[in-house]
């Protein structure tokens, strides 16, 4: 995704967030062993994505859009964090609809010849 030719900075950021949430190297796991990340982890992982690096698309706003659209699920306050001595306020997970959007977005960004 990061080398994609998609030119819409919001779409690039949305797909990058979904890609990170779908990636198996997530730090948190819910009881159902689904990957989940905190906002700060997502922001750190997307720091090399051009619209994020330039500050043109705030990750928190893009993540909020994904949550409101049902493509990402926010898990509640007070969940234990993977880092000792702190709690995660929100953990974010990709939904099945989010995976579908991600697959379609990646296919559009890299069409087969």
N, C-alpha and C. Protein backbone atom coordinates (compact mmCIF):
# COMPACT_ATOMS: atom_id res chain seq x y z
N UNK A 1 0.82 -1.19 0.00
CA UNK A 1 0.00 0.00 0.00
C UNK A 1 0.86 1.25 0.00
N UNK A 2 1.92 1.25 0.76
CA UNK A 2 2.70 2.48 0.92
C UNK A 2 3.37 2.92 -0.36
N UNK A 3 3.60 2.02 -1.30
CA UNK A 3 4.17 2.41 -2.58
C UNK A 3 3.12 2.65 -3.63
N UNK A 4 1.88 2.73 -3.21
CA UNK A 4 0.75 2.81 -4.12
C UNK A 4 0.73 4.12 -4.90
N UNK A 5 0.04 4.07 -6.02
CA UNK A 5 -0.11 5.26 -6.85
C UNK A 5 -1.40 6.00 -6.56
N UNK A 6 -2.14 5.59 -5.52
CA UNK A 6 -3.37 6.27 -5.15
C UNK A 6 -3.00 7.71 -4.77
N UNK A 7 -3.76 8.70 -5.30
CA UNK A 7 -3.37 10.09 -5.08
C UNK A 7 -4.18 10.80 -4.01
N UNK A 8 -5.27 10.24 -3.55
CA UNK A 8 -6.10 10.86 -2.53
C UNK A 8 -5.47 10.64 -1.15
N UNK A 9 -5.01 11.71 -0.48
CA UNK A 9 -4.31 11.54 0.80
C UNK A 9 -5.17 10.92 1.89
N UNK A 10 -6.46 11.21 1.89
CA UNK A 10 -7.34 10.62 2.91
C UNK A 10 -7.46 9.12 2.67
N UNK A 11 -7.69 8.74 1.42
CA UNK A 11 -7.80 7.31 1.09
C UNK A 11 -6.50 6.57 1.40
N UNK A 12 -5.38 7.17 1.09
CA UNK A 12 -4.08 6.56 1.41
C UNK A 12 -3.99 6.31 2.90
N UNK A 13 -4.38 7.30 3.70
CA UNK A 13 -4.30 7.17 5.16
C UNK A 13 -5.27 6.12 5.67
N UNK A 14 -6.50 6.12 5.16
CA UNK A 14 -7.49 5.13 5.59
C UNK A 14 -7.00 3.71 5.30
N UNK A 15 -6.49 3.50 4.11
CA UNK A 15 -6.00 2.17 3.75
C UNK A 15 -4.77 1.78 4.57
N UNK A 16 -3.91 2.74 4.87
CA UNK A 16 -2.72 2.45 5.69
C UNK A 16 -3.12 2.05 7.10
N UNK A 17 -4.13 2.72 7.67
CA UNK A 17 -4.62 2.35 9.00
C UNK A 17 -5.19 0.94 8.98
N UNK A 18 -6.03 0.66 7.99
CA UNK A 18 -6.62 -0.68 7.89
C UNK A 18 -5.54 -1.75 7.70
N UNK A 19 -4.54 -1.41 6.92
CA UNK A 19 -3.44 -2.34 6.68
C UNK A 19 -2.71 -2.66 7.98
N UNK A 20 -2.46 -1.64 8.78
CA UNK A 20 -1.79 -1.87 10.07
C UNK A 20 -2.65 -2.68 11.01
N UNK A 21 -3.95 -2.41 11.05
CA UNK A 21 -4.83 -3.16 11.95
C UNK A 21 -5.02 -4.60 11.49
N UNK A 22 -4.82 -4.86 10.22
CA UNK A 22 -4.95 -6.21 9.68
C UNK A 22 -3.64 -6.98 9.77
N UNK A 23 -2.56 -6.30 10.07
CA UNK A 23 -1.23 -6.90 10.11
C UNK A 23 -1.07 -7.76 11.35
N UNK A 24 -0.44 -8.92 11.24
CA UNK A 24 -0.33 -9.82 12.39
C UNK A 24 0.64 -9.40 13.48
N UNK A 25 1.43 -8.36 13.30
CA UNK A 25 2.41 -7.98 14.32
C UNK A 25 1.85 -7.00 15.35
N UNK A 26 0.54 -6.99 15.54
CA UNK A 26 -0.06 -6.08 16.49
C UNK A 26 0.35 -6.43 17.92
N UNK A 27 0.38 -5.41 18.75
CA UNK A 27 0.85 -5.55 20.11
C UNK A 27 -0.21 -6.13 21.04
N UNK A 28 -1.44 -5.83 20.82
CA UNK A 28 -2.52 -6.26 21.70
C UNK A 28 -3.32 -7.37 21.03
N UNK A 29 -3.89 -8.20 21.85
CA UNK A 29 -4.82 -9.21 21.36
C UNK A 29 -6.03 -9.20 22.29
N UNK A 30 -7.20 -9.25 21.70
CA UNK A 30 -8.41 -9.32 22.50
C UNK A 30 -8.62 -10.77 22.89
N UNK A 31 -9.67 -11.03 23.63
CA UNK A 31 -9.97 -12.40 24.05
C UNK A 31 -10.18 -13.31 22.86
N UNK A 32 -10.67 -12.78 21.78
CA UNK A 32 -10.89 -13.59 20.58
C UNK A 32 -9.64 -13.66 19.71
N UNK A 33 -8.52 -13.22 20.24
CA UNK A 33 -7.22 -13.19 19.56
C UNK A 33 -7.21 -12.37 18.29
N UNK A 34 -8.10 -11.40 18.20
CA UNK A 34 -8.09 -10.48 17.06
C UNK A 34 -7.06 -9.38 17.33
N UNK A 35 -6.29 -8.98 16.33
CA UNK A 35 -5.32 -7.91 16.52
C UNK A 35 -6.00 -6.59 16.89
N UNK A 36 -5.35 -5.81 17.73
CA UNK A 36 -5.86 -4.50 18.12
C UNK A 36 -4.69 -3.59 18.44
N UNK A 37 -4.83 -2.30 18.15
CA UNK A 37 -3.78 -1.31 18.42
C UNK A 37 -4.37 -0.09 19.09
N UNK A 38 -3.54 0.61 19.84
CA UNK A 38 -3.90 1.91 20.41
C UNK A 38 -3.63 2.99 19.36
N UNK A 39 -4.25 4.15 19.53
CA UNK A 39 -4.04 5.27 18.61
C UNK A 39 -2.56 5.62 18.50
N UNK A 40 -1.87 5.71 19.62
CA UNK A 40 -0.45 6.09 19.58
C UNK A 40 0.39 5.09 18.79
N UNK A 41 0.03 3.81 18.86
CA UNK A 41 0.76 2.79 18.09
C UNK A 41 0.48 2.95 16.60
N UNK A 42 -0.75 3.23 16.27
CA UNK A 42 -1.11 3.44 14.85
C UNK A 42 -0.37 4.66 14.32
N UNK A 43 -0.39 5.75 15.07
CA UNK A 43 0.30 6.97 14.64
C UNK A 43 1.79 6.71 14.43
N UNK A 44 2.41 5.97 15.32
CA UNK A 44 3.84 5.66 15.20
C UNK A 44 4.12 4.83 13.95
N UNK A 45 3.29 3.84 13.70
CA UNK A 45 3.48 2.96 12.55
C UNK A 45 3.23 3.66 11.22
N UNK A 46 2.41 4.72 11.24
CA UNK A 46 2.09 5.43 10.00
C UNK A 46 2.95 6.67 9.79
N UNK A 47 3.94 6.86 10.62
CA UNK A 47 4.75 8.08 10.54
C UNK A 47 5.47 8.24 9.20
N UNK A 48 5.65 7.15 8.45
CA UNK A 48 6.30 7.25 7.14
C UNK A 48 5.32 7.38 5.98
N UNK A 49 4.02 7.36 6.25
CA UNK A 49 3.01 7.52 5.20
C UNK A 49 2.96 9.01 4.83
N UNK A 50 3.17 9.37 3.56
CA UNK A 50 3.30 10.79 3.18
C UNK A 50 2.23 11.73 3.73
N UNK A 51 0.93 11.45 3.63
CA UNK A 51 -0.05 12.42 4.16
C UNK A 51 0.06 12.59 5.68
N UNK A 52 0.44 11.54 6.37
CA UNK A 52 0.61 11.62 7.83
C UNK A 52 1.89 12.39 8.15
N UNK A 53 2.96 12.06 7.46
CA UNK A 53 4.25 12.73 7.70
C UNK A 53 4.14 14.23 7.44
N UNK A 54 3.40 14.61 6.39
CA UNK A 54 3.23 16.04 6.07
C UNK A 54 2.22 16.73 6.97
N UNK A 55 1.43 15.94 7.72
CA UNK A 55 0.42 16.52 8.60
C UNK A 55 -0.87 16.88 7.88
N UNK A 56 -1.03 16.43 6.64
CA UNK A 56 -2.24 16.79 5.90
C UNK A 56 -3.46 15.95 6.29
N UNK A 57 -3.23 14.76 6.86
CA UNK A 57 -4.34 13.92 7.32
C UNK A 57 -4.00 13.42 8.73
N UNK A 58 -4.65 13.98 9.75
CA UNK A 58 -4.43 13.51 11.11
C UNK A 58 -4.95 12.07 11.29
N UNK A 59 -4.12 11.22 11.86
CA UNK A 59 -4.49 9.82 12.04
C UNK A 59 -5.75 9.69 12.91
N UNK A 60 -5.86 10.48 13.96
CA UNK A 60 -7.01 10.39 14.85
C UNK A 60 -8.32 10.67 14.10
N UNK A 61 -8.32 11.65 13.23
CA UNK A 61 -9.52 11.96 12.45
C UNK A 61 -9.85 10.85 11.46
N UNK A 62 -8.83 10.33 10.79
CA UNK A 62 -9.05 9.25 9.83
C UNK A 62 -9.55 8.00 10.56
N UNK A 63 -8.99 7.72 11.73
CA UNK A 63 -9.42 6.57 12.51
C UNK A 63 -10.87 6.75 12.96
N UNK A 64 -11.23 7.95 13.38
CA UNK A 64 -12.61 8.23 13.76
C UNK A 64 -13.58 8.00 12.61
N UNK A 65 -13.18 8.38 11.41
CA UNK A 65 -14.00 8.14 10.22
C UNK A 65 -14.20 6.64 9.99
N UNK A 66 -13.13 5.88 10.16
CA UNK A 66 -13.23 4.43 9.99
C UNK A 66 -14.14 3.80 11.04
N UNK A 67 -14.07 4.30 12.26
CA UNK A 67 -14.94 3.78 13.33
C UNK A 67 -16.40 4.10 13.01
N UNK A 68 -16.67 5.37 12.66
CA UNK A 68 -18.05 5.78 12.35
C UNK A 68 -18.60 5.04 11.13
N UNK A 69 -17.73 4.63 10.23
CA UNK A 69 -18.16 3.92 9.02
C UNK A 69 -18.31 2.42 9.26
N UNK A 70 -17.94 1.94 10.43
CA UNK A 70 -18.05 0.52 10.73
C UNK A 70 -16.92 -0.33 10.19
N UNK A 71 -15.86 0.31 9.70
CA UNK A 71 -14.72 -0.43 9.16
C UNK A 71 -13.70 -0.79 10.24
N UNK A 72 -13.78 -0.09 11.37
CA UNK A 72 -12.92 -0.34 12.53
C UNK A 72 -13.81 -0.32 13.76
N UNK A 73 -13.50 -1.21 14.70
CA UNK A 73 -14.23 -1.28 15.96
C UNK A 73 -13.32 -0.77 17.08
N UNK A 74 -13.86 0.11 17.93
CA UNK A 74 -13.13 0.63 19.09
C UNK A 74 -13.53 -0.20 20.31
N UNK A 75 -12.53 -0.75 20.99
CA UNK A 75 -12.79 -1.53 22.20
C UNK A 75 -12.53 -0.67 23.41
N UNK A 76 -13.29 -0.89 24.45
CA UNK A 76 -13.44 -0.03 25.60
C UNK A 76 -12.27 0.40 26.45
N UNK A 77 -12.59 1.33 27.31
CA UNK A 77 -11.67 1.92 28.27
C UNK A 77 -11.33 0.91 29.35
N UNK A 78 -10.09 0.97 29.84
CA UNK A 78 -9.70 0.15 30.96
C UNK A 78 -9.15 -1.21 30.61
N UNK A 79 -9.01 -1.52 29.34
CA UNK A 79 -8.40 -2.77 28.93
C UNK A 79 -6.93 -2.70 29.29
N UNK A 80 -6.39 -3.77 29.82
CA UNK A 80 -4.97 -3.76 30.20
C UNK A 80 -4.11 -3.58 28.97
N UNK A 81 -3.09 -2.78 29.12
CA UNK A 81 -2.15 -2.52 28.03
C UNK A 81 -1.07 -3.58 28.03
N UNK A 82 -0.42 -3.77 26.92
CA UNK A 82 0.70 -4.70 26.83
C UNK A 82 1.91 -4.15 27.56
N UNK A 83 1.99 -2.86 27.77
CA UNK A 83 3.09 -2.25 28.50
C UNK A 83 2.73 -2.20 29.97
N UNK A 84 3.57 -2.73 30.86
CA UNK A 84 3.26 -2.69 32.28
C UNK A 84 3.08 -1.26 32.78
N UNK A 85 2.27 -1.10 33.79
CA UNK A 85 2.03 0.17 34.48
C UNK A 85 1.27 1.21 33.65
N UNK A 86 0.50 0.78 32.68
CA UNK A 86 -0.38 1.72 31.99
C UNK A 86 -1.56 0.96 31.42
N UNK A 87 -2.63 1.67 31.16
CA UNK A 87 -3.83 1.08 30.58
C UNK A 87 -4.10 1.68 29.22
N UNK A 88 -4.60 0.87 28.35
CA UNK A 88 -5.01 1.36 27.04
C UNK A 88 -6.41 1.95 27.18
N UNK A 89 -6.61 3.16 26.70
CA UNK A 89 -7.92 3.78 26.79
C UNK A 89 -8.83 3.27 25.68
N UNK A 90 -8.30 3.08 24.50
CA UNK A 90 -9.06 2.54 23.37
C UNK A 90 -8.14 1.62 22.58
N UNK A 91 -8.67 0.50 22.21
CA UNK A 91 -7.99 -0.39 21.28
C UNK A 91 -8.85 -0.46 20.03
N UNK A 92 -8.21 -0.49 18.89
CA UNK A 92 -8.92 -0.47 17.61
C UNK A 92 -8.65 -1.77 16.87
N UNK A 93 -9.73 -2.33 16.29
CA UNK A 93 -9.67 -3.57 15.52
C UNK A 93 -10.33 -3.36 14.17
N UNK A 94 -9.80 -4.01 13.16
CA UNK A 94 -10.44 -3.99 11.85
C UNK A 94 -11.66 -4.92 11.89
N UNK A 95 -12.72 -4.53 11.23
CA UNK A 95 -13.94 -5.35 11.14
C UNK A 95 -13.91 -6.12 9.82
N UNK A 96 -14.81 -7.09 9.66
CA UNK A 96 -14.89 -7.79 8.37
C UNK A 96 -15.16 -6.82 7.21
N UNK A 97 -15.97 -5.80 7.45
CA UNK A 97 -16.23 -4.79 6.41
C UNK A 97 -14.95 -4.00 6.11
N UNK A 98 -14.15 -3.76 7.14
CA UNK A 98 -12.88 -3.06 6.95
C UNK A 98 -11.91 -3.89 6.13
N UNK A 99 -11.88 -5.20 6.37
CA UNK A 99 -11.02 -6.08 5.56
C UNK A 99 -11.45 -6.06 4.09
N UNK A 100 -12.76 -6.08 3.87
CA UNK A 100 -13.27 -6.04 2.50
C UNK A 100 -12.85 -4.74 1.82
N UNK A 101 -13.02 -3.61 2.52
CA UNK A 101 -12.62 -2.31 1.98
C UNK A 101 -11.12 -2.28 1.69
N UNK A 102 -10.33 -2.85 2.60
CA UNK A 102 -8.88 -2.90 2.42
C UNK A 102 -8.52 -3.71 1.17
N UNK A 103 -9.09 -4.88 1.02
CA UNK A 103 -8.80 -5.72 -0.14
C UNK A 103 -9.18 -5.02 -1.43
N UNK A 104 -10.36 -4.41 -1.45
CA UNK A 104 -10.80 -3.67 -2.64
C UNK A 104 -9.89 -2.48 -2.92
N UNK A 105 -9.48 -1.77 -1.86
CA UNK A 105 -8.61 -0.61 -2.04
C UNK A 105 -7.24 -1.00 -2.54
N UNK A 106 -6.70 -2.10 -2.03
CA UNK A 106 -5.40 -2.56 -2.50
C UNK A 106 -5.48 -3.06 -3.95
N UNK A 107 -6.57 -3.70 -4.28
CA UNK A 107 -6.75 -4.17 -5.66
C UNK A 107 -6.83 -2.98 -6.63
N UNK A 108 -7.52 -1.92 -6.21
CA UNK A 108 -7.64 -0.73 -7.06
C UNK A 108 -6.29 -0.01 -7.20
N UNK A 109 -5.48 -0.06 -6.15
CA UNK A 109 -4.18 0.62 -6.17
C UNK A 109 -3.15 -0.16 -7.00
N UNK A 110 -3.34 -1.47 -7.08
CA UNK A 110 -2.40 -2.32 -7.79
C UNK A 110 -3.16 -3.25 -8.75
N UNK A 111 -3.80 -2.70 -9.78
CA UNK A 111 -4.56 -3.54 -10.70
C UNK A 111 -3.65 -4.50 -11.46
N UNK A 112 -4.18 -5.68 -11.70
CA UNK A 112 -3.43 -6.67 -12.49
C UNK A 112 -3.51 -6.29 -13.95
N UNK A 113 -2.44 -6.52 -14.65
CA UNK A 113 -2.39 -6.19 -16.09
C UNK A 113 -3.11 -7.21 -16.91
